[in-house]
């Protein structure tokens, strides 16, 4: 239990600068960590804090509940002993270009060594990136009917487990860079973020001296198969799938979309590429339902199935826009940041049909060789509506593009199922 005496009796507002606030200086895009400075997001009232928001993203609310319940000391500082990355990543040239990385802290995994002096002086600097090693157990790899993959004892074991490097990344937004990436004015960006979050972060509009924002959103997990050095080796092949979260399919196997089959296909290709001496990369973004959220996604499912004529590819995107007001809110413009952080300059095998992802990546000067669509035999029957709609909308395909007449004839399950 926490010590209630550690809780301040006074509420300290940080919405405006005061004499007691001396934010640690940050030079985004500096060549070294010492020049750049640490990201400090200690609780409200700490004078060194140089960010808006708090560590742990969406989980920061749970931290607040733990403090309120008396189970966490509000003054607790993490003991980072033996938490250093399992492998070394960077620095790379992209880290010193403020336009190439705007949504994550490239030094976020190295705070223990890079900012040890600040930590020893009492400043609460915490990692926003963690790197570990693990094994993945994926049923499809063990029970695959095709048995396309063969265990090699290194990347893929006889048990069907795959050795992998796992990287967890929390978002750290450099607001001037975010505004530039979206071709908007920083003041307008700050005001819109403030208004559309119900005024949750007043510092967005009252503290122009704070240029960093830790948004309360989901982060990223990267899975690397093979040697990390192969990712930046121009003589080695790199396979990559950038996958946006779909809990219903990815975890529970719902067959109304192609998400899990495509994810598994990406993992298999990543393993196979690593076995051949290259590297495989899966980037998993927490952007459920095209970042519209799972509630909205399920509402759209109902609207699609119950509309006159049933679920058709012709109205696939229209139903989403009717409910959400927009077809997609993933904004892939920020997605390449993790690729730049890893030092990637070329992807040889891009496991995706999305033009938005493709355009965002090449727009960041990362070359893409071959584009790999999902094989037809992996598409669930009930996901054919989605696939036909995407092909007709211009998604990359090497096969037949459905005509307008064909779209009206492509239907999912009967209405009685919904």
Protein backbone atom coordinates (compact mmCIF):
# COMPACT_ATOMS: atom_id res chain seq x y z
CA UNK A 1 0.00 0.00 0.00
CA UNK A 2 1.18 3.51 -0.70
CA UNK A 3 1.95 6.04 1.97
CA UNK A 4 -0.85 8.63 2.01
CA UNK A 5 1.62 11.13 3.41
CA UNK A 6 3.37 11.10 0.05
CA UNK A 7 0.35 12.69 -1.55
CA UNK A 8 0.47 16.43 -1.93
CA UNK A 9 -2.19 18.37 -0.05
CA UNK A 10 -2.21 21.03 -2.74
CA UNK A 11 -3.25 20.80 -6.35
CA UNK A 12 -0.55 22.22 -8.60
CA UNK A 13 -1.84 23.47 -11.93
CA UNK A 14 0.59 23.22 -14.84
CA UNK A 15 -1.65 24.84 -17.43
CA UNK A 16 0.44 28.01 -17.42
CA UNK A 17 4.15 28.65 -16.91
CA UNK A 18 5.26 29.65 -13.41
CA UNK A 19 8.51 30.56 -11.74
CA UNK A 20 8.93 27.04 -10.35
CA UNK A 21 8.87 25.30 -13.72
CA UNK A 22 12.17 24.70 -15.48
CA UNK A 23 11.49 22.14 -18.24
CA UNK A 24 14.48 20.10 -19.35
CA UNK A 25 15.52 21.40 -22.75
CA UNK A 26 14.95 19.16 -25.79
CA UNK A 27 16.46 19.60 -29.23
CA UNK A 28 14.45 17.20 -31.39
CA UNK A 29 16.53 15.55 -34.10
CA UNK A 30 19.90 16.26 -32.45
CA UNK A 31 22.77 13.95 -33.41
CA UNK A 32 23.43 12.66 -29.88
CA UNK A 33 21.33 11.87 -26.85
CA UNK A 34 23.22 14.45 -24.81
CA UNK A 35 22.36 17.16 -27.32
CA UNK A 36 18.76 15.98 -27.67
CA UNK A 37 17.93 15.74 -23.97
CA UNK A 38 15.55 13.32 -22.19
CA UNK A 39 11.77 13.09 -22.44
CA UNK A 40 10.52 13.89 -18.93
CA UNK A 41 6.86 13.17 -18.18
CA UNK A 42 6.80 13.01 -14.41
CA UNK A 43 3.48 13.67 -12.64
CA UNK A 44 2.05 17.18 -12.56
CA UNK A 45 3.97 19.58 -10.37
CA UNK A 46 7.49 18.42 -11.25
CA UNK A 47 9.41 21.44 -12.49
CA UNK A 48 11.61 19.46 -14.91
CA UNK A 49 8.69 18.05 -16.89
CA UNK A 50 9.03 18.92 -20.59
CA UNK A 51 6.07 17.04 -22.06
CA UNK A 52 2.31 17.24 -22.16
CA UNK A 53 0.66 14.02 -21.00
CA UNK A 54 2.23 11.19 -19.03
CA UNK A 55 4.18 7.97 -19.42
CA UNK A 56 2.45 4.69 -20.39
CA UNK A 57 -0.02 6.22 -22.83
CA UNK A 58 -3.54 4.84 -22.37
CA UNK A 59 -2.40 2.89 -19.30
CA UNK A 60 -1.58 6.06 -17.39
CA UNK A 61 -5.21 6.14 -16.25
CA UNK A 62 -4.72 2.77 -14.54
CA UNK A 63 -1.69 4.20 -12.78
CA UNK A 64 -3.88 7.03 -11.48
CA UNK A 65 -6.45 4.51 -10.25
CA UNK A 66 -3.72 2.54 -8.47
CA UNK A 67 -2.59 5.71 -6.69
CA UNK A 68 -6.18 6.67 -5.83
CA UNK A 69 -6.81 3.16 -4.46
CA UNK A 70 -3.71 3.39 -2.29
CA UNK A 71 -1.90 0.50 -3.95
CA UNK A 72 0.82 2.59 -5.61
CA UNK A 73 3.06 5.21 -4.05
CA UNK A 74 2.65 8.34 -6.19
CA UNK A 75 6.35 9.09 -5.67
CA UNK A 76 7.52 5.66 -6.82
CA UNK A 77 10.37 5.67 -9.35
CA UNK A 78 11.07 2.49 -11.32
CA UNK A 79 14.24 0.54 -10.59
CA UNK A 80 15.69 0.00 -14.07
CA UNK A 81 18.34 -2.51 -12.99
CA UNK A 82 18.74 -5.28 -15.61
CA UNK A 83 16.04 -3.77 -17.85
CA UNK A 84 18.41 -2.71 -20.65
CA UNK A 85 17.54 -3.78 -24.21
CA UNK A 86 18.27 -7.41 -25.09
CA UNK A 87 19.91 -6.19 -28.31
CA UNK A 88 21.37 -2.88 -29.42
CA UNK A 89 19.46 -0.78 -31.94
CA UNK A 90 20.84 2.43 -33.42
CA UNK A 91 21.67 5.16 -33.53
CA UNK A 92 20.97 5.57 -37.24
CA UNK A 93 21.16 8.58 -39.53
CA UNK A 94 17.36 8.94 -39.49
CA UNK A 95 17.47 9.74 -35.78
CA UNK A 96 19.27 13.00 -36.51
CA UNK A 97 16.67 14.13 -39.04
CA UNK A 98 13.74 15.79 -37.20
CA UNK A 99 11.45 15.23 -40.18
CA UNK A 100 11.97 11.45 -40.33
CA UNK A 101 10.82 10.55 -36.79
CA UNK A 102 8.06 12.64 -35.19
CA UNK A 103 5.86 10.19 -33.26
CA UNK A 104 8.29 8.10 -31.16
CA UNK A 105 11.40 8.85 -29.12
CA UNK A 106 14.37 7.25 -30.92
CA UNK A 107 16.37 7.29 -27.67
CA UNK A 108 13.46 5.86 -25.67
CA UNK A 109 15.13 2.47 -25.13
CA UNK A 110 18.48 3.89 -24.04
CA UNK A 111 17.50 6.21 -21.18
CA UNK A 112 19.49 4.22 -18.60
CA UNK A 113 22.78 4.87 -20.35
CA UNK A 114 22.02 7.96 -22.40
CA UNK A 115 20.52 10.00 -19.56
CA UNK A 116 22.18 8.44 -16.52
CA UNK A 117 23.44 11.82 -15.35
CA UNK A 118 19.95 13.28 -15.27
CA UNK A 119 18.58 10.19 -13.52
CA UNK A 120 21.33 10.34 -10.87
CA UNK A 121 20.45 13.98 -10.26
CA UNK A 122 16.91 12.95 -9.35
CA UNK A 123 15.04 13.56 -12.61
CA UNK A 124 12.50 10.80 -13.23
CA UNK A 125 13.31 9.70 -16.80
CA UNK A 126 11.55 6.52 -17.95
CA UNK A 127 11.89 4.35 -21.06
CA UNK A 128 9.23 4.61 -23.76
CA UNK A 129 10.71 1.66 -25.68
CA UNK A 130 11.63 -1.81 -24.36
CA UNK A 131 13.38 -4.61 -26.24
CA UNK A 132 13.39 -8.28 -25.25
CA UNK A 133 13.78 -11.76 -26.71
CA UNK A 134 11.06 -14.41 -26.73
CA UNK A 135 9.47 -17.33 -28.53
CA UNK A 136 6.17 -17.14 -30.39
CA UNK A 137 3.79 -20.07 -30.41
CA UNK A 138 1.39 -19.66 -33.32
CA UNK A 139 -1.02 -22.58 -33.95
CA UNK A 140 -0.86 -22.16 -37.72
CA UNK A 141 2.90 -22.68 -37.67
CA UNK A 142 2.49 -25.97 -35.80
CA UNK A 143 -0.59 -27.35 -37.50
CA UNK A 144 -0.27 -25.87 -40.96
CA UNK A 145 -1.85 -28.17 -43.52
CA UNK A 146 0.53 -27.10 -46.26
CA UNK A 147 3.62 -27.51 -44.07
CA UNK A 148 5.26 -24.78 -46.12
CA UNK A 149 7.78 -24.01 -43.39
CA UNK A 150 10.46 -26.38 -42.18
CA UNK A 151 12.08 -26.11 -38.73
CA UNK A 152 15.72 -25.05 -38.85
CA UNK A 153 16.46 -25.16 -35.12
CA UNK A 154 17.31 -21.46 -35.05
CA UNK A 155 14.50 -19.27 -36.37
CA UNK A 156 11.81 -21.98 -36.26
CA UNK A 157 12.12 -24.83 -33.76
CA UNK A 158 10.86 -28.41 -34.06
CA UNK A 159 8.10 -27.52 -31.58
CA UNK A 160 6.73 -24.93 -34.00
CA UNK A 161 7.93 -22.08 -31.80
CA UNK A 162 9.66 -19.16 -33.47
CA UNK A 163 12.52 -17.19 -31.94
CA UNK A 164 11.85 -13.48 -32.12
CA UNK A 165 13.02 -10.09 -30.89
CA UNK A 166 10.10 -8.12 -29.44
CA UNK A 167 10.03 -4.34 -29.22
CA UNK A 168 7.33 -2.38 -27.38
CA UNK A 169 7.01 1.29 -28.31
CA UNK A 170 4.92 4.02 -26.68
CA UNK A 171 4.08 7.11 -28.73
CA UNK A 172 5.97 10.35 -28.12
CA UNK A 173 4.77 13.12 -30.41
CA UNK A 174 6.93 16.06 -31.41
CA UNK A 175 4.12 18.49 -32.12
CA UNK A 176 5.96 20.73 -34.62
CA UNK A 177 6.96 17.60 -36.57
CA UNK A 178 3.45 16.12 -36.39
CA UNK A 179 2.00 19.35 -37.75
CA UNK A 180 4.51 19.40 -40.59
CA UNK A 181 3.84 15.75 -41.44
CA UNK A 182 0.11 16.51 -41.77
CA UNK A 183 0.68 19.80 -43.60
CA UNK A 184 -1.11 21.82 -40.97
CA UNK A 185 -0.38 24.68 -38.59
CA UNK A 186 0.97 23.67 -35.16
CA UNK A 187 -1.35 26.08 -33.36
CA UNK A 188 -4.35 24.61 -35.16
CA UNK A 189 -3.16 21.08 -34.35
CA UNK A 190 -2.80 21.91 -30.67
CA UNK A 191 -6.20 23.57 -30.48
CA UNK A 192 -7.94 20.69 -32.27
CA UNK A 193 -6.29 18.09 -30.02
CA UNK A 194 -7.41 20.12 -27.00
CA UNK A 195 -11.00 20.55 -28.17
CA UNK A 196 -11.55 17.03 -29.49
CA UNK A 197 -10.33 15.42 -26.25
CA UNK A 198 -12.81 17.39 -24.17
CA UNK A 199 -10.17 19.82 -22.94
CA UNK A 200 -8.20 16.99 -21.35
CA UNK A 201 -4.80 18.58 -21.99
CA UNK A 202 -5.02 22.34 -21.44
CA UNK A 203 -1.25 22.67 -21.86
CA UNK A 204 -1.71 22.04 -25.57
CA UNK A 205 -3.03 25.59 -25.90
CA UNK A 206 -1.44 27.31 -22.90
CA UNK A 207 2.12 25.95 -22.99
CA UNK A 208 3.66 26.60 -26.43
CA UNK A 209 7.04 26.11 -24.75
CA UNK A 210 6.29 22.38 -24.39
CA UNK A 211 6.77 20.72 -27.78
CA UNK A 212 6.33 17.07 -26.77
CA UNK A 213 3.04 15.24 -26.22
CA UNK A 214 2.52 11.71 -24.91
CA UNK A 215 -0.97 10.93 -26.25
CA UNK A 216 -3.21 8.46 -24.36
CA UNK A 217 -3.37 6.03 -27.29
CA UNK A 218 -2.12 2.54 -28.01
CA UNK A 219 1.46 1.96 -29.07
CA UNK A 220 3.37 -0.37 -31.39
CA UNK A 221 4.96 -3.78 -31.06
CA UNK A 222 7.63 -4.84 -33.55
CA UNK A 223 8.59 -8.49 -34.01
CA UNK A 224 11.93 -9.22 -35.68
CA UNK A 225 12.81 -12.66 -37.04
CA UNK A 226 16.45 -13.37 -37.77
CA UNK A 227 19.51 -11.25 -37.01
CA UNK A 228 18.83 -7.60 -36.32
CA UNK A 229 21.84 -6.60 -38.43
CA UNK A 230 20.16 -8.04 -41.54
CA UNK A 231 17.49 -5.32 -41.40
CA UNK A 232 19.97 -2.64 -42.45
CA UNK A 233 22.25 -4.84 -44.56
CA UNK A 234 21.64 -4.00 -48.25
CA UNK A 235 22.88 -7.47 -49.24
CA UNK A 236 20.20 -9.21 -47.16
CA UNK A 237 16.49 -9.57 -47.98
CA UNK A 238 13.97 -7.88 -45.69
CA UNK A 239 10.35 -9.03 -45.51
CA UNK A 240 7.90 -6.74 -43.73
CA UNK A 241 4.23 -6.65 -42.83
CA UNK A 242 2.77 -3.55 -41.19
CA UNK A 243 -0.39 -4.79 -39.47
CA UNK A 244 -3.10 -2.73 -37.81
CA UNK A 245 -4.83 -4.31 -34.83
CA UNK A 246 -7.99 -6.36 -35.31
CA UNK A 247 -8.72 -8.09 -32.01
CA UNK A 248 -11.71 -10.06 -33.28
CA UNK A 249 -9.72 -11.69 -36.07
CA UNK A 250 -6.13 -11.56 -34.79
CA UNK A 251 -6.95 -13.13 -31.41
CA UNK A 252 -10.36 -14.80 -31.72
CA UNK A 253 -10.33 -15.80 -35.37
CA UNK A 254 -13.45 -13.99 -36.60
CA UNK A 255 -13.80 -14.72 -40.31
CA UNK A 256 -15.51 -11.53 -41.45
CA UNK A 257 -12.15 -10.05 -42.44
CA UNK A 258 -8.73 -11.15 -43.66
CA UNK A 259 -6.73 -9.73 -40.75
CA UNK A 260 -5.49 -12.89 -39.03
CA UNK A 261 -4.87 -14.84 -42.24
CA UNK A 262 -2.83 -11.93 -43.61
CA UNK A 263 -0.96 -11.55 -40.32
CA UNK A 264 -0.08 -15.26 -40.29
CA UNK A 265 0.97 -15.05 -43.93
CA UNK A 266 3.25 -12.16 -42.99
CA UNK A 267 4.75 -14.11 -40.09
CA UNK A 268 5.37 -17.14 -42.31
CA UNK A 269 7.07 -14.99 -44.94
CA UNK A 270 9.14 -13.29 -42.24
CA UNK A 271 10.31 -16.65 -40.88
CA UNK A 272 11.10 -18.01 -44.32
CA UNK A 273 13.08 -14.88 -45.22
CA UNK A 274 15.03 -15.11 -41.96
CA UNK A 275 15.78 -18.79 -42.59
CA UNK A 276 17.30 -17.80 -45.93
CA UNK A 277 19.70 -15.38 -44.24
CA UNK A 278 17.61 -12.22 -44.35
CA UNK A 279 15.26 -10.77 -41.76
CA UNK A 280 11.52 -10.61 -41.23
CA UNK A 281 9.66 -7.75 -39.54
CA UNK A 282 6.10 -7.52 -38.27
CA UNK A 283 4.99 -4.06 -37.11
CA UNK A 284 1.79 -4.34 -35.05
CA UNK A 285 -0.05 -1.04 -34.52
CA UNK A 286 -2.81 -0.60 -31.92
CA UNK A 287 -5.36 0.94 -34.30
CA UNK A 288 -8.45 -1.17 -33.74
CA UNK A 289 -11.11 -0.91 -36.44
CA UNK A 290 -9.07 1.46 -38.65
CA UNK A 291 -8.56 3.54 -35.49
CA UNK A 292 -12.33 4.03 -35.29
CA UNK A 293 -12.54 1.70 -32.29
CA UNK A 294 -14.15 -1.68 -31.76
CA UNK A 295 -17.59 -0.32 -30.82
CA UNK A 296 -17.80 1.59 -34.09
CA UNK A 297 -16.52 -1.45 -35.98
CA UNK A 298 -19.25 -3.70 -34.58
CA UNK A 299 -21.90 -1.08 -35.34
CA UNK A 300 -20.68 -1.06 -38.93
CA UNK A 301 -20.86 -4.87 -39.03
CA UNK A 302 -24.53 -4.70 -38.06
CA UNK A 303 -25.25 -1.93 -40.57
CA UNK A 304 -23.60 -3.92 -43.37
CA UNK A 305 -25.45 -7.14 -42.62
CA UNK A 306 -28.87 -5.58 -42.05
CA UNK A 307 -28.98 -3.19 -44.99
CA UNK A 308 -31.34 -3.92 -47.86
CA UNK A 309 -29.77 -6.60 -50.02
CA UNK A 310 -27.41 -7.75 -47.28
CA UNK A 311 -23.69 -7.27 -47.08
CA UNK A 312 -22.23 -6.24 -50.43
CA UNK A 313 -18.83 -5.03 -51.56
CA UNK A 314 -20.56 -2.16 -53.36
CA UNK A 315 -21.51 -0.52 -50.05
CA UNK A 316 -18.59 -1.76 -47.94
CA UNK A 317 -16.89 1.60 -47.40
CA UNK A 318 -20.14 3.57 -47.50
CA UNK A 319 -21.52 1.82 -44.41
CA UNK A 320 -18.39 2.70 -42.44
CA UNK A 321 -18.62 6.33 -43.44
CA UNK A 322 -22.32 6.49 -42.53
CA UNK A 323 -21.57 5.40 -38.95
CA UNK A 324 -18.13 6.95 -38.35
CA UNK A 325 -18.23 9.95 -40.70
CA UNK A 326 -15.00 8.79 -42.31
CA UNK A 327 -13.77 5.57 -43.89
CA UNK A 328 -10.42 5.36 -42.11
CA UNK A 329 -8.62 7.21 -39.31
CA UNK A 330 -5.35 5.27 -39.14
CA UNK A 331 -3.40 8.08 -40.81
CA UNK A 332 -0.53 5.99 -42.10
CA UNK A 333 1.62 9.12 -42.38
CA UNK A 334 3.04 8.38 -38.91
CA UNK A 335 3.50 4.65 -39.48
CA UNK A 336 6.96 4.80 -41.17
CA UNK A 337 8.54 6.32 -38.05
CA UNK A 338 9.26 2.88 -36.59
CA UNK A 339 10.89 1.85 -39.88
CA UNK A 340 13.10 4.95 -39.79
CA UNK A 341 13.93 4.19 -36.15
CA UNK A 342 15.13 0.72 -37.18
CA UNK A 343 17.36 2.28 -39.84
CA UNK A 344 15.45 0.69 -42.72
CA UNK A 345 16.07 2.12 -46.18
CA UNK A 346 14.59 -0.70 -48.29
CA UNK A 347 11.89 -3.35 -47.91
CA UNK A 348 12.37 -6.17 -50.41
CA UNK A 349 9.08 -7.97 -49.74
CA UNK A 350 6.19 -5.79 -48.54
CA UNK A 351 3.34 -8.03 -47.36
CA UNK A 352 0.44 -5.66 -47.92
CA UNK A 353 -2.16 -4.59 -50.46
CA UNK A 354 -2.69 -1.15 -48.91
CA UNK A 355 -1.80 1.81 -51.08
CA UNK A 356 -1.99 4.11 -48.05
CA UNK A 357 0.75 2.14 -46.31
CA UNK A 358 2.81 1.89 -49.48
CA UNK A 359 2.56 5.62 -50.24
CA UNK A 360 3.44 6.57 -46.66
CA UNK A 361 6.55 4.38 -46.67
CA UNK A 362 7.94 5.46 -50.04
CA UNK A 363 7.08 9.04 -49.08
CA UNK A 364 9.65 8.66 -46.31
CA UNK A 365 12.31 7.67 -48.86
CA UNK A 366 12.15 3.97 -48.02
CA UNK A 367 12.31 1.86 -51.15
CA UNK A 368 9.88 -1.04 -51.64
CA UNK A 369 10.72 -3.89 -53.98
CA UNK A 370 8.01 -6.55 -54.31
CA UNK A 371 4.44 -6.13 -53.04
CA UNK A 372 2.83 -9.36 -51.80
CA UNK A 373 -1.00 -9.62 -51.77
CA UNK A 374 -2.78 -12.18 -49.60
CA UNK A 375 -3.13 -15.51 -51.45
CA UNK A 376 -6.73 -16.22 -52.51
CA UNK A 377 -6.88 -19.53 -50.64
CA UNK A 378 -6.29 -17.71 -47.33
CA UNK A 379 -9.32 -15.44 -47.70
CA UNK A 380 -12.24 -16.64 -45.50
CA UNK A 381 -15.54 -17.01 -47.35
CA UNK A 382 -17.23 -14.28 -45.33
CA UNK A 383 -14.32 -11.90 -45.96
CA UNK A 384 -14.76 -11.95 -49.73
CA UNK A 385 -16.96 -8.84 -49.48
CA UNK A 386 -14.12 -6.92 -47.88
CA UNK A 387 -11.56 -8.17 -50.36
CA UNK A 388 -13.65 -7.35 -53.43
CA UNK A 389 -14.41 -3.89 -52.08
CA UNK A 390 -10.73 -3.19 -51.46
CA UNK A 391 -9.66 -4.39 -54.90
CA UNK A 392 -12.33 -2.26 -56.56
CA UNK A 393 -11.21 0.73 -54.47
CA UNK A 394 -7.70 0.45 -55.89
CA UNK A 395 -5.88 -1.74 -53.40
CA UNK A 396 -2.88 -3.50 -54.92
CA UNK A 397 -3.69 -6.83 -56.55
CA UNK A 398 -2.16 -9.04 -59.19
CA UNK A 399 -5.50 -10.63 -59.91
CA UNK A 400 -8.96 -9.70 -61.17
CA UNK A 401 -10.47 -6.35 -60.17
CA UNK A 402 -14.24 -6.74 -59.66
CA UNK A 403 -16.55 -4.68 -61.86
CA UNK A 404 -19.39 -2.57 -60.48
CA UNK A 405 -21.85 -5.31 -61.46
CA UNK A 406 -19.81 -7.96 -59.69
CA UNK A 407 -19.66 -5.86 -56.52
CA UNK A 408 -23.45 -5.85 -56.21
CA UNK A 409 -23.48 -9.65 -56.41
CA UNK A 410 -20.83 -10.26 -53.73
CA UNK A 411 -22.62 -10.93 -50.46
CA UNK A 412 -21.62 -12.17 -47.04
CA UNK A 413 -23.69 -14.26 -44.64
CA UNK A 414 -27.45 -14.29 -44.61
CA UNK A 415 -29.27 -11.64 -42.57
CA UNK A 416 -30.66 -14.27 -40.23
CA UNK A 417 -27.19 -14.63 -38.72
CA UNK A 418 -27.35 -11.04 -37.50
